[in-house]
mmCIF file of all heavy atoms, coordinates in Angstrom:
data_MODEL
# 
_entry.id   MODEL 
# 
loop_
_atom_site.group_PDB 
_atom_site.id 
_atom_site.type_symbol 
_atom_site.label_atom_id 
_atom_site.label_alt_id 
_atom_site.label_comp_id 
_atom_site.label_asym_id 
_atom_site.label_entity_id 
_atom_site.label_seq_id 
_atom_site.pdbx_PDB_ins_code 
_atom_site.Cartn_x 
_atom_site.Cartn_y 
_atom_site.Cartn_z 
_atom_site.occupancy 
_atom_site.B_iso_or_equiv 
_atom_site.pdbx_formal_charge 
_atom_site.auth_seq_id 
_atom_site.auth_comp_id 
_atom_site.auth_asym_id 
_atom_site.auth_atom_id 
_atom_site.pdbx_PDB_model_num 
ATOM 1   N N   . LEU A 1 1  ? 82.998 101.778 104.850 1.00 0.00 ? 1  LEU A N   1 
ATOM 2   C CA  . LEU A 1 1  ? 82.793 102.552 106.072 1.00 0.00 ? 1  LEU A CA  1 
ATOM 3   C C   . LEU A 1 1  ? 81.713 101.952 107.023 1.00 0.00 ? 1  LEU A C   1 
ATOM 4   O O   . LEU A 1 1  ? 80.742 101.293 106.370 1.00 0.00 ? 1  LEU A O   1 
ATOM 5   C CB  . LEU A 1 1  ? 82.446 104.015 105.726 1.00 0.00 ? 1  LEU A CB  1 
ATOM 6   C CG  . LEU A 1 1  ? 83.581 104.864 105.222 1.00 0.00 ? 1  LEU A CG  1 
ATOM 7   C CD1 . LEU A 1 1  ? 83.077 106.149 104.537 1.00 0.00 ? 1  LEU A CD1 1 
ATOM 8   C CD2 . LEU A 1 1  ? 84.622 105.238 106.339 1.00 0.00 ? 1  LEU A CD2 1 
ATOM 9   N N   . GLY A 1 2  ? 81.768 102.223 108.307 1.00 0.00 ? 2  GLY A N   1 
ATOM 10  C CA  . GLY A 1 2  ? 80.813 101.774 109.232 1.00 0.00 ? 2  GLY A CA  1 
ATOM 11  C C   . GLY A 1 2  ? 79.567 102.688 109.227 1.00 0.00 ? 2  GLY A C   1 
ATOM 12  O O   . GLY A 1 2  ? 79.607 103.872 108.699 1.00 0.00 ? 2  GLY A O   1 
ATOM 13  N N   . ASP A 1 3  ? 78.572 102.267 109.959 1.00 0.00 ? 3  ASP A N   1 
ATOM 14  C CA  . ASP A 1 3  ? 77.337 103.055 110.009 1.00 0.00 ? 3  ASP A CA  1 
ATOM 15  C C   . ASP A 1 3  ? 77.599 104.423 110.666 1.00 0.00 ? 3  ASP A C   1 
ATOM 16  O O   . ASP A 1 3  ? 76.971 105.491 110.265 1.00 0.00 ? 3  ASP A O   1 
ATOM 17  C CB  . ASP A 1 3  ? 76.278 102.404 110.785 1.00 0.00 ? 3  ASP A CB  1 
ATOM 18  C CG  . ASP A 1 3  ? 75.709 101.172 110.075 1.00 0.00 ? 3  ASP A CG  1 
ATOM 19  O OD1 . ASP A 1 3  ? 75.904 101.121 108.851 1.00 0.00 ? 3  ASP A OD1 1 
ATOM 20  O OD2 . ASP A 1 3  ? 75.182 100.269 110.696 1.00 0.00 ? 3  ASP A OD2 1 
ATOM 21  N N   . GLU A 1 4  ? 78.495 104.472 111.555 1.00 0.00 ? 4  GLU A N   1 
ATOM 22  C CA  . GLU A 1 4  ? 78.785 105.721 112.400 1.00 0.00 ? 4  GLU A CA  1 
ATOM 23  C C   . GLU A 1 4  ? 79.472 106.809 111.473 1.00 0.00 ? 4  GLU A C   1 
ATOM 24  O O   . GLU A 1 4  ? 79.488 108.003 111.774 1.00 0.00 ? 4  GLU A O   1 
ATOM 25  C CB  . GLU A 1 4  ? 79.627 105.473 113.590 1.00 0.00 ? 4  GLU A CB  1 
ATOM 26  C CG  . GLU A 1 4  ? 81.106 105.038 113.212 1.00 0.00 ? 4  GLU A CG  1 
ATOM 27  C CD  . GLU A 1 4  ? 81.244 103.530 112.913 1.00 0.00 ? 4  GLU A CD  1 
ATOM 28  O OE1 . GLU A 1 4  ? 80.135 102.885 112.864 1.00 0.00 ? 4  GLU A OE1 1 
ATOM 29  O OE2 . GLU A 1 4  ? 82.347 103.166 112.711 1.00 0.00 ? 4  GLU A OE2 1 
ATOM 30  N N   . ASP A 1 5  ? 80.071 106.378 110.368 1.00 0.00 ? 5  ASP A N   1 
ATOM 31  C CA  . ASP A 1 5  ? 80.695 107.277 109.463 1.00 0.00 ? 5  ASP A CA  1 
ATOM 32  C C   . ASP A 1 5  ? 79.919 107.669 108.205 1.00 0.00 ? 5  ASP A C   1 
ATOM 33  O O   . ASP A 1 5  ? 80.417 108.381 107.394 1.00 0.00 ? 5  ASP A O   1 
ATOM 34  C CB  . ASP A 1 5  ? 82.012 106.705 108.954 1.00 0.00 ? 5  ASP A CB  1 
ATOM 35  C CG  . ASP A 1 5  ? 83.051 106.456 110.149 1.00 0.00 ? 5  ASP A CG  1 
ATOM 36  O OD1 . ASP A 1 5  ? 83.087 107.488 110.971 1.00 0.00 ? 5  ASP A OD1 1 
ATOM 37  O OD2 . ASP A 1 5  ? 83.612 105.404 110.201 1.00 0.00 ? 5  ASP A OD2 1 
ATOM 38  N N   . GLN A 1 6  ? 78.685 107.193 108.106 1.00 0.00 ? 6  GLN A N   1 
ATOM 39  C CA  . GLN A 1 6  ? 77.931 107.435 106.889 1.00 0.00 ? 6  GLN A CA  1 
ATOM 40  C C   . GLN A 1 6  ? 77.599 108.898 106.644 1.00 0.00 ? 6  GLN A C   1 
ATOM 41  O O   . GLN A 1 6  ? 77.479 109.375 105.519 1.00 0.00 ? 6  GLN A O   1 
ATOM 42  C CB  . GLN A 1 6  ? 76.635 106.573 106.909 1.00 0.00 ? 6  GLN A CB  1 
ATOM 43  C CG  . GLN A 1 6  ? 76.892 105.119 106.708 1.00 0.00 ? 6  GLN A CG  1 
ATOM 44  C CD  . GLN A 1 6  ? 77.663 104.731 105.503 1.00 0.00 ? 6  GLN A CD  1 
ATOM 45  O OE1 . GLN A 1 6  ? 77.503 105.304 104.390 1.00 0.00 ? 6  GLN A OE1 1 
ATOM 46  N NE2 . GLN A 1 6  ? 78.517 103.670 105.589 1.00 0.00 ? 6  GLN A NE2 1 
ATOM 47  N N   . GLY A 1 7  ? 77.411 109.685 107.690 1.00 0.00 ? 7  GLY A N   1 
ATOM 48  C CA  . GLY A 1 7  ? 77.137 111.086 107.592 1.00 0.00 ? 7  GLY A CA  1 
ATOM 49  C C   . GLY A 1 7  ? 78.259 111.824 106.916 1.00 0.00 ? 7  GLY A C   1 
ATOM 50  O O   . GLY A 1 7  ? 78.092 112.625 106.043 1.00 0.00 ? 7  GLY A O   1 
ATOM 51  N N   . HIS A 1 8  ? 79.485 111.524 107.456 1.00 0.00 ? 8  HIS A N   1 
ATOM 52  C CA  . HIS A 1 8  ? 80.711 112.137 106.847 1.00 0.00 ? 8  HIS A CA  1 
ATOM 53  C C   . HIS A 1 8  ? 80.967 111.721 105.492 1.00 0.00 ? 8  HIS A C   1 
ATOM 54  O O   . HIS A 1 8  ? 81.425 112.370 104.580 1.00 0.00 ? 8  HIS A O   1 
ATOM 55  C CB  . HIS A 1 8  ? 81.936 111.813 107.784 1.00 0.00 ? 8  HIS A CB  1 
ATOM 56  C CG  . HIS A 1 8  ? 81.726 112.468 109.141 1.00 0.00 ? 8  HIS A CG  1 
ATOM 57  N ND1 . HIS A 1 8  ? 81.507 111.762 110.236 1.00 0.00 ? 8  HIS A ND1 1 
ATOM 58  C CD2 . HIS A 1 8  ? 81.844 113.773 109.528 1.00 0.00 ? 8  HIS A CD2 1 
ATOM 59  C CE1 . HIS A 1 8  ? 81.357 112.566 111.347 1.00 0.00 ? 8  HIS A CE1 1 
ATOM 60  N NE2 . HIS A 1 8  ? 81.676 113.851 110.899 1.00 0.00 ? 8  HIS A NE2 1 
ATOM 61  N N   . SER A 1 9  ? 80.725 110.306 105.183 1.00 0.00 ? 9  SER A N   1 
ATOM 62  C CA  . SER A 1 9  ? 80.880 109.709 103.944 1.00 0.00 ? 9  SER A CA  1 
ATOM 63  C C   . SER A 1 9  ? 79.928 110.453 102.907 1.00 0.00 ? 9  SER A C   1 
ATOM 64  O O   . SER A 1 9  ? 80.341 110.743 101.816 1.00 0.00 ? 9  SER A O   1 
ATOM 65  C CB  . SER A 1 9  ? 80.540 108.260 103.945 1.00 0.00 ? 9  SER A CB  1 
ATOM 66  O OG  . SER A 1 9  ? 80.597 107.743 102.622 1.00 0.00 ? 9  SER A OG  1 
ATOM 67  N N   . ALA A 1 10 ? 78.662 110.683 103.375 1.00 0.00 ? 10 ALA A N   1 
ATOM 68  C CA  . ALA A 1 10 ? 77.742 111.314 102.509 1.00 0.00 ? 10 ALA A CA  1 
ATOM 69  C C   . ALA A 1 10 ? 78.118 112.731 102.080 1.00 0.00 ? 10 ALA A C   1 
ATOM 70  O O   . ALA A 1 10 ? 78.030 113.163 100.943 1.00 0.00 ? 10 ALA A O   1 
ATOM 71  C CB  . ALA A 1 10 ? 76.280 111.339 103.128 1.00 0.00 ? 10 ALA A CB  1 
ATOM 72  N N   . ALA A 1 11 ? 78.667 113.458 103.137 1.00 0.00 ? 11 ALA A N   1 
ATOM 73  C CA  . ALA A 1 11 ? 79.130 114.843 102.913 1.00 0.00 ? 11 ALA A CA  1 
ATOM 74  C C   . ALA A 1 11 ? 80.307 114.924 101.935 1.00 0.00 ? 11 ALA A C   1 
ATOM 75  O O   . ALA A 1 11 ? 80.315 115.665 101.014 1.00 0.00 ? 11 ALA A O   1 
ATOM 76  C CB  . ALA A 1 11 ? 79.473 115.493 104.275 1.00 0.00 ? 11 ALA A CB  1 
ATOM 77  N N   . SER A 1 12 ? 81.277 113.921 102.141 1.00 0.00 ? 12 SER A N   1 
ATOM 78  C CA  . SER A 1 12 ? 82.449 113.893 101.313 1.00 0.00 ? 12 SER A CA  1 
ATOM 79  C C   . SER A 1 12 ? 82.055 113.527 99.892  1.00 0.00 ? 12 SER A C   1 
ATOM 80  O O   . SER A 1 12 ? 82.571 114.115 98.888  1.00 0.00 ? 12 SER A O   1 
ATOM 81  C CB  . SER A 1 12 ? 83.494 112.903 101.867 1.00 0.00 ? 12 SER A CB  1 
ATOM 82  O OG  . SER A 1 12 ? 84.584 112.831 101.116 1.00 0.00 ? 12 SER A OG  1 
ATOM 83  N N   . TYR A 1 13 ? 81.134 112.556 99.719  1.00 0.00 ? 13 TYR A N   1 
ATOM 84  C CA  . TYR A 1 13 ? 80.638 112.095 98.426  1.00 0.00 ? 13 TYR A CA  1 
ATOM 85  C C   . TYR A 1 13 ? 79.930 113.322 97.758  1.00 0.00 ? 13 TYR A C   1 
ATOM 86  O O   . TYR A 1 13 ? 80.281 113.553 96.532  1.00 0.00 ? 13 TYR A O   1 
ATOM 87  C CB  . TYR A 1 13 ? 79.665 111.016 98.601  1.00 0.00 ? 13 TYR A CB  1 
ATOM 88  C CG  . TYR A 1 13 ? 78.905 110.614 97.298  1.00 0.00 ? 13 TYR A CG  1 
ATOM 89  C CD1 . TYR A 1 13 ? 79.526 109.753 96.459  1.00 0.00 ? 13 TYR A CD1 1 
ATOM 90  C CD2 . TYR A 1 13 ? 77.616 110.968 97.088  1.00 0.00 ? 13 TYR A CD2 1 
ATOM 91  C CE1 . TYR A 1 13 ? 78.858 109.319 95.322  1.00 0.00 ? 13 TYR A CE1 1 
ATOM 92  C CE2 . TYR A 1 13 ? 76.905 110.556 96.019  1.00 0.00 ? 13 TYR A CE2 1 
ATOM 93  C CZ  . TYR A 1 13 ? 77.600 109.797 95.075  1.00 0.00 ? 13 TYR A CZ  1 
ATOM 94  O OH  . TYR A 1 13 ? 76.900 109.384 93.942  1.00 0.00 ? 13 TYR A OH  1 
ATOM 95  N N   . VAL A 1 14 ? 79.126 114.043 98.451  1.00 0.00 ? 14 VAL A N   1 
ATOM 96  C CA  . VAL A 1 14 ? 78.397 115.204 97.793  1.00 0.00 ? 14 VAL A CA  1 
ATOM 97  C C   . VAL A 1 14 ? 79.397 116.308 97.528  1.00 0.00 ? 14 VAL A C   1 
ATOM 98  O O   . VAL A 1 14 ? 79.298 116.971 96.503  1.00 0.00 ? 14 VAL A O   1 
ATOM 99  C CB  . VAL A 1 14 ? 77.201 115.724 98.749  1.00 0.00 ? 14 VAL A CB  1 
ATOM 100 C CG1 . VAL A 1 14 ? 76.604 116.920 98.057  1.00 0.00 ? 14 VAL A CG1 1 
ATOM 101 C CG2 . VAL A 1 14 ? 76.287 114.562 98.906  1.00 0.00 ? 14 VAL A CG2 1 
ATOM 102 N N   . PHE A 1 15 ? 80.431 116.548 98.393  1.00 0.00 ? 15 PHE A N   1 
ATOM 103 C CA  . PHE A 1 15 ? 81.412 117.536 98.079  1.00 0.00 ? 15 PHE A CA  1 
ATOM 104 C C   . PHE A 1 15 ? 82.114 117.173 96.697  1.00 0.00 ? 15 PHE A C   1 
ATOM 105 O O   . PHE A 1 15 ? 82.308 118.023 95.870  1.00 0.00 ? 15 PHE A O   1 
ATOM 106 C CB  . PHE A 1 15 ? 82.521 117.550 99.136  1.00 0.00 ? 15 PHE A CB  1 
ATOM 107 C CG  . PHE A 1 15 ? 82.212 118.436 100.256 1.00 0.00 ? 15 PHE A CG  1 
ATOM 108 C CD1 . PHE A 1 15 ? 82.258 118.005 101.625 1.00 0.00 ? 15 PHE A CD1 1 
ATOM 109 C CD2 . PHE A 1 15 ? 81.831 119.836 100.026 1.00 0.00 ? 15 PHE A CD2 1 
ATOM 110 C CE1 . PHE A 1 15 ? 81.910 118.852 102.613 1.00 0.00 ? 15 PHE A CE1 1 
ATOM 111 C CE2 . PHE A 1 15 ? 81.530 120.656 101.139 1.00 0.00 ? 15 PHE A CE2 1 
ATOM 112 C CZ  . PHE A 1 15 ? 81.554 120.082 102.416 1.00 0.00 ? 15 PHE A CZ  1 
ATOM 113 N N   . GLY A 1 16 ? 82.478 115.904 96.579  1.00 0.00 ? 16 GLY A N   1 
ATOM 114 C CA  . GLY A 1 16 ? 83.076 115.501 95.316  1.00 0.00 ? 16 GLY A CA  1 
ATOM 115 C C   . GLY A 1 16 ? 82.153 115.542 94.165  1.00 0.00 ? 16 GLY A C   1 
ATOM 116 O O   . GLY A 1 16 ? 82.507 115.973 93.086  1.00 0.00 ? 16 GLY A O   1 
ATOM 117 N N   . TYR A 1 17 ? 80.907 115.135 94.408  1.00 0.00 ? 17 TYR A N   1 
ATOM 118 C CA  . TYR A 1 17 ? 79.878 115.209 93.355  1.00 0.00 ? 17 TYR A CA  1 
ATOM 119 C C   . TYR A 1 17 ? 79.674 116.616 92.810  1.00 0.00 ? 17 TYR A C   1 
ATOM 120 O O   . TYR A 1 17 ? 79.686 116.824 91.571  1.00 0.00 ? 17 TYR A O   1 
ATOM 121 C CB  . TYR A 1 17 ? 78.541 114.721 93.989  1.00 0.00 ? 17 TYR A CB  1 
ATOM 122 C CG  . TYR A 1 17 ? 77.445 114.359 93.054  1.00 0.00 ? 17 TYR A CG  1 
ATOM 123 C CD1 . TYR A 1 17 ? 77.132 113.066 92.769  1.00 0.00 ? 17 TYR A CD1 1 
ATOM 124 C CD2 . TYR A 1 17 ? 76.542 115.356 92.640  1.00 0.00 ? 17 TYR A CD2 1 
ATOM 125 C CE1 . TYR A 1 17 ? 76.055 112.750 91.873  1.00 0.00 ? 17 TYR A CE1 1 
ATOM 126 C CE2 . TYR A 1 17 ? 75.557 115.030 91.693  1.00 0.00 ? 17 TYR A CE2 1 
ATOM 127 C CZ  . TYR A 1 17 ? 75.273 113.713 91.427  1.00 0.00 ? 17 TYR A CZ  1 
ATOM 128 O OH  . TYR A 1 17 ? 74.213 113.397 90.600  1.00 0.00 ? 17 TYR A OH  1 
ATOM 129 N N   . ARG A 1 18 ? 79.572 117.505 93.747  1.00 0.00 ? 18 ARG A N   1 
ATOM 130 C CA  . ARG A 1 18 ? 79.317 118.895 93.337  1.00 0.00 ? 18 ARG A CA  1 
ATOM 131 C C   . ARG A 1 18 ? 80.522 119.620 92.862  1.00 0.00 ? 18 ARG A C   1 
ATOM 132 O O   . ARG A 1 18 ? 80.502 120.536 92.089  1.00 0.00 ? 18 ARG A O   1 
ATOM 133 C CB  . ARG A 1 18 ? 78.759 119.634 94.534  1.00 0.00 ? 18 ARG A CB  1 
ATOM 134 C CG  . ARG A 1 18 ? 77.333 119.165 94.972  1.00 0.00 ? 18 ARG A CG  1 
ATOM 135 C CD  . ARG A 1 18 ? 76.365 119.266 93.772  1.00 0.00 ? 18 ARG A CD  1 
ATOM 136 N NE  . ARG A 1 18 ? 75.038 118.815 94.097  1.00 0.00 ? 18 ARG A NE  1 
ATOM 137 C CZ  . ARG A 1 18 ? 73.945 118.890 93.392  1.00 0.00 ? 18 ARG A CZ  1 
ATOM 138 N NH1 . ARG A 1 18 ? 74.040 119.490 92.250  1.00 0.00 ? 18 ARG A NH1 1 
ATOM 139 N NH2 . ARG A 1 18 ? 72.814 118.419 93.743  1.00 0.00 ? 18 ARG A NH2 1 
ATOM 140 N N   . THR A 1 19 ? 81.766 119.201 93.255  1.00 0.00 ? 19 THR A N   1 
ATOM 141 C CA  . THR A 1 19 ? 82.970 119.754 92.690  1.00 0.00 ? 19 THR A CA  1 
ATOM 142 C C   . THR A 1 19 ? 83.046 119.357 91.251  1.00 0.00 ? 19 THR A C   1 
ATOM 143 O O   . THR A 1 19 ? 83.375 120.152 90.406  1.00 0.00 ? 19 THR A O   1 
ATOM 144 C CB  . THR A 1 19 ? 84.205 119.129 93.374  1.00 0.00 ? 19 THR A CB  1 
ATOM 145 O OG1 . THR A 1 19 ? 84.122 119.499 94.803  1.00 0.00 ? 19 THR A OG1 1 
ATOM 146 C CG2 . THR A 1 19 ? 85.437 119.682 92.778  1.00 0.00 ? 19 THR A CG2 1 
ATOM 147 N N   . ALA A 1 20 ? 82.656 118.089 90.903  1.00 0.00 ? 20 ALA A N   1 
ATOM 148 C CA  . ALA A 1 20 ? 82.665 117.694 89.441  1.00 0.00 ? 20 ALA A CA  1 
ATOM 149 C C   . ALA A 1 20 ? 81.538 118.538 88.698  1.00 0.00 ? 20 ALA A C   1 
ATOM 150 O O   . ALA A 1 20 ? 81.751 118.858 87.528  1.00 0.00 ? 20 ALA A O   1 
ATOM 151 C CB  . ALA A 1 20 ? 82.404 116.212 89.364  1.00 0.00 ? 20 ALA A CB  1 
ATOM 152 N N   . ASN A 1 21 ? 80.381 118.767 89.360  1.00 0.00 ? 21 ASN A N   1 
ATOM 153 C CA  . ASN A 1 21 ? 79.361 119.578 88.748  1.00 0.00 ? 21 ASN A CA  1 
ATOM 154 C C   . ASN A 1 21 ? 79.918 120.950 88.375  1.00 0.00 ? 21 ASN A C   1 
ATOM 155 O O   . ASN A 1 21 ? 79.701 121.420 87.265  1.00 0.00 ? 21 ASN A O   1 
ATOM 156 C CB  . ASN A 1 21 ? 78.152 119.796 89.727  1.00 0.00 ? 21 ASN A CB  1 
ATOM 157 C CG  . ASN A 1 21 ? 77.345 118.610 89.980  1.00 0.00 ? 21 ASN A CG  1 
ATOM 158 O OD1 . ASN A 1 21 ? 76.568 118.533 90.897  1.00 0.00 ? 21 ASN A OD1 1 
ATOM 159 N ND2 . ASN A 1 21 ? 77.592 117.516 89.273  1.00 0.00 ? 21 ASN A ND2 1 
ATOM 160 N N   . PHE A 1 22 ? 80.695 121.502 89.356  1.00 0.00 ? 22 PHE A N   1 
ATOM 161 C CA  . PHE A 1 22 ? 81.198 122.830 89.122  1.00 0.00 ? 22 PHE A CA  1 
ATOM 162 C C   . PHE A 1 22 ? 82.254 122.861 88.028  1.00 0.00 ? 22 PHE A C   1 
ATOM 163 O O   . PHE A 1 22 ? 82.213 123.631 87.019  1.00 0.00 ? 22 PHE A O   1 
ATOM 164 C CB  . PHE A 1 22 ? 81.868 123.308 90.445  1.00 0.00 ? 22 PHE A CB  1 
ATOM 165 C CG  . PHE A 1 22 ? 82.723 124.539 90.305  1.00 0.00 ? 22 PHE A CG  1 
ATOM 166 C CD1 . PHE A 1 22 ? 82.109 125.736 90.120  1.00 0.00 ? 22 PHE A CD1 1 
ATOM 167 C CD2 . PHE A 1 22 ? 84.065 124.504 90.272  1.00 0.00 ? 22 PHE A CD2 1 
ATOM 168 C CE1 . PHE A 1 22 ? 82.902 126.904 90.003  1.00 0.00 ? 22 PHE A CE1 1 
ATOM 169 C CE2 . PHE A 1 22 ? 84.861 125.638 90.141  1.00 0.00 ? 22 PHE A CE2 1 
ATOM 170 C CZ  . PHE A 1 22 ? 84.254 126.841 90.041  1.00 0.00 ? 22 PHE A CZ  1 
ATOM 171 N N   . ILE A 1 23 ? 83.221 121.908 88.007  1.00 0.00 ? 23 ILE A N   1 
ATOM 172 C CA  . ILE A 1 23 ? 84.223 121.816 87.020  1.00 0.00 ? 23 ILE A CA  1 
ATOM 173 C C   . ILE A 1 23 ? 83.664 121.593 85.662  1.00 0.00 ? 23 ILE A C   1 
ATOM 174 O O   . ILE A 1 23 ? 83.962 122.250 84.695  1.00 0.00 ? 23 ILE A O   1 
ATOM 175 C CB  . ILE A 1 23 ? 85.196 120.723 87.336  1.00 0.00 ? 23 ILE A CB  1 
ATOM 176 C CG1 . ILE A 1 23 ? 86.012 121.058 88.563  1.00 0.00 ? 23 ILE A CG1 1 
ATOM 177 C CG2 . ILE A 1 23 ? 86.289 120.581 86.159  1.00 0.00 ? 23 ILE A CG2 1 
ATOM 178 C CD1 . ILE A 1 23 ? 86.908 119.972 89.171  1.00 0.00 ? 23 ILE A CD1 1 
ATOM 179 N N   . ALA A 1 24 ? 82.666 120.606 85.559  1.00 0.00 ? 24 ALA A N   1 
ATOM 180 C CA  . ALA A 1 24 ? 82.018 120.341 84.314  1.00 0.00 ? 24 ALA A CA  1 
ATOM 181 C C   . ALA A 1 24 ? 81.164 121.497 83.823  1.00 0.00 ? 24 ALA A C   1 
ATOM 182 O O   . ALA A 1 24 ? 81.257 121.926 82.618  1.00 0.00 ? 24 ALA A O   1 
ATOM 183 C CB  . ALA A 1 24 ? 81.156 119.167 84.459  1.00 0.00 ? 24 ALA A CB  1 
ATOM 184 N N   . GLY A 1 25 ? 80.433 122.152 84.759  1.00 0.00 ? 25 GLY A N   1 
ATOM 185 C CA  . GLY A 1 25 ? 79.524 123.243 84.296  1.00 0.00 ? 25 GLY A CA  1 
ATOM 186 C C   . GLY A 1 25 ? 80.354 124.393 83.794  1.00 0.00 ? 25 GLY A C   1 
ATOM 187 O O   . GLY A 1 25 ? 80.065 125.000 82.758  1.00 0.00 ? 25 GLY A O   1 
ATOM 188 N N   . VAL A 1 26 ? 81.296 124.893 84.651  1.00 0.00 ? 26 VAL A N   1 
ATOM 189 C CA  . VAL A 1 26 ? 82.086 126.009 84.251  1.00 0.00 ? 26 VAL A CA  1 
ATOM 190 C C   . VAL A 1 26 ? 82.888 125.768 83.085  1.00 0.00 ? 26 VAL A C   1 
ATOM 191 O O   . VAL A 1 26 ? 82.966 126.509 82.156  1.00 0.00 ? 26 VAL A O   1 
ATOM 192 C CB  . VAL A 1 26 ? 82.970 126.489 85.524  1.00 0.00 ? 26 VAL A CB  1 
ATOM 193 C CG1 . VAL A 1 26 ? 83.985 127.578 85.067  1.00 0.00 ? 26 VAL A CG1 1 
ATOM 194 C CG2 . VAL A 1 26 ? 82.097 127.064 86.515  1.00 0.00 ? 26 VAL A CG2 1 
ATOM 195 N N   . GLY A 1 27 ? 83.567 124.568 83.081  1.00 0.00 ? 27 GLY A N   1 
ATOM 196 C CA  . GLY A 1 27 ? 84.483 124.198 81.980  1.00 0.00 ? 27 GLY A CA  1 
ATOM 197 C C   . GLY A 1 27 ? 83.777 124.141 80.655  1.00 0.00 ? 27 GLY A C   1 
ATOM 198 O O   . GLY A 1 27 ? 84.203 124.725 79.642  1.00 0.00 ? 27 GLY A O   1 
ATOM 199 N N   . VAL A 1 28 ? 82.625 123.419 80.700  1.00 0.00 ? 28 VAL A N   1 
ATOM 200 C CA  . VAL A 1 28 ? 82.049 123.105 79.383  1.00 0.00 ? 28 VAL A CA  1 
ATOM 201 C C   . VAL A 1 28 ? 81.332 124.387 78.853  1.00 0.00 ? 28 VAL A C   1 
ATOM 202 O O   . VAL A 1 28 ? 81.442 124.699 77.675  1.00 0.00 ? 28 VAL A O   1 
ATOM 203 C CB  . VAL A 1 28 ? 80.926 122.015 79.629  1.00 0.00 ? 28 VAL A CB  1 
ATOM 204 C CG1 . VAL A 1 28 ? 79.924 122.032 78.432  1.00 0.00 ? 28 VAL A CG1 1 
ATOM 205 C CG2 . VAL A 1 28 ? 81.546 120.699 79.771  1.00 0.00 ? 28 VAL A CG2 1 
ATOM 206 N N   . LEU A 1 29 ? 80.760 125.120 79.774  1.00 0.00 ? 29 LEU A N   1 
ATOM 207 C CA  . LEU A 1 29 ? 80.042 126.468 79.292  1.00 0.00 ? 29 LEU A CA  1 
ATOM 208 C C   . LEU A 1 29 ? 81.031 127.535 78.739  1.00 0.00 ? 29 LEU A C   1 
ATOM 209 O O   . LEU A 1 29 ? 80.804 128.083 77.733  1.00 0.00 ? 29 LEU A O   1 
ATOM 210 C CB  . LEU A 1 29 ? 79.251 127.105 80.344  1.00 0.00 ? 29 LEU A CB  1 
ATOM 211 C CG  . LEU A 1 29 ? 77.990 126.207 80.783  1.00 0.00 ? 29 LEU A CG  1 
ATOM 212 C CD1 . LEU A 1 29 ? 77.232 126.946 81.923  1.00 0.00 ? 29 LEU A CD1 1 
ATOM 213 C CD2 . LEU A 1 29 ? 77.015 126.039 79.671  1.00 0.00 ? 29 LEU A CD2 1 
# 
């Protein structure tokens, strides 16, 4: 991605990151 899209890229990355946190946390516990 270009520099102009890094904000949206960061948000999408964190969305995915935290989705995995949620699935792992809820599922494992």
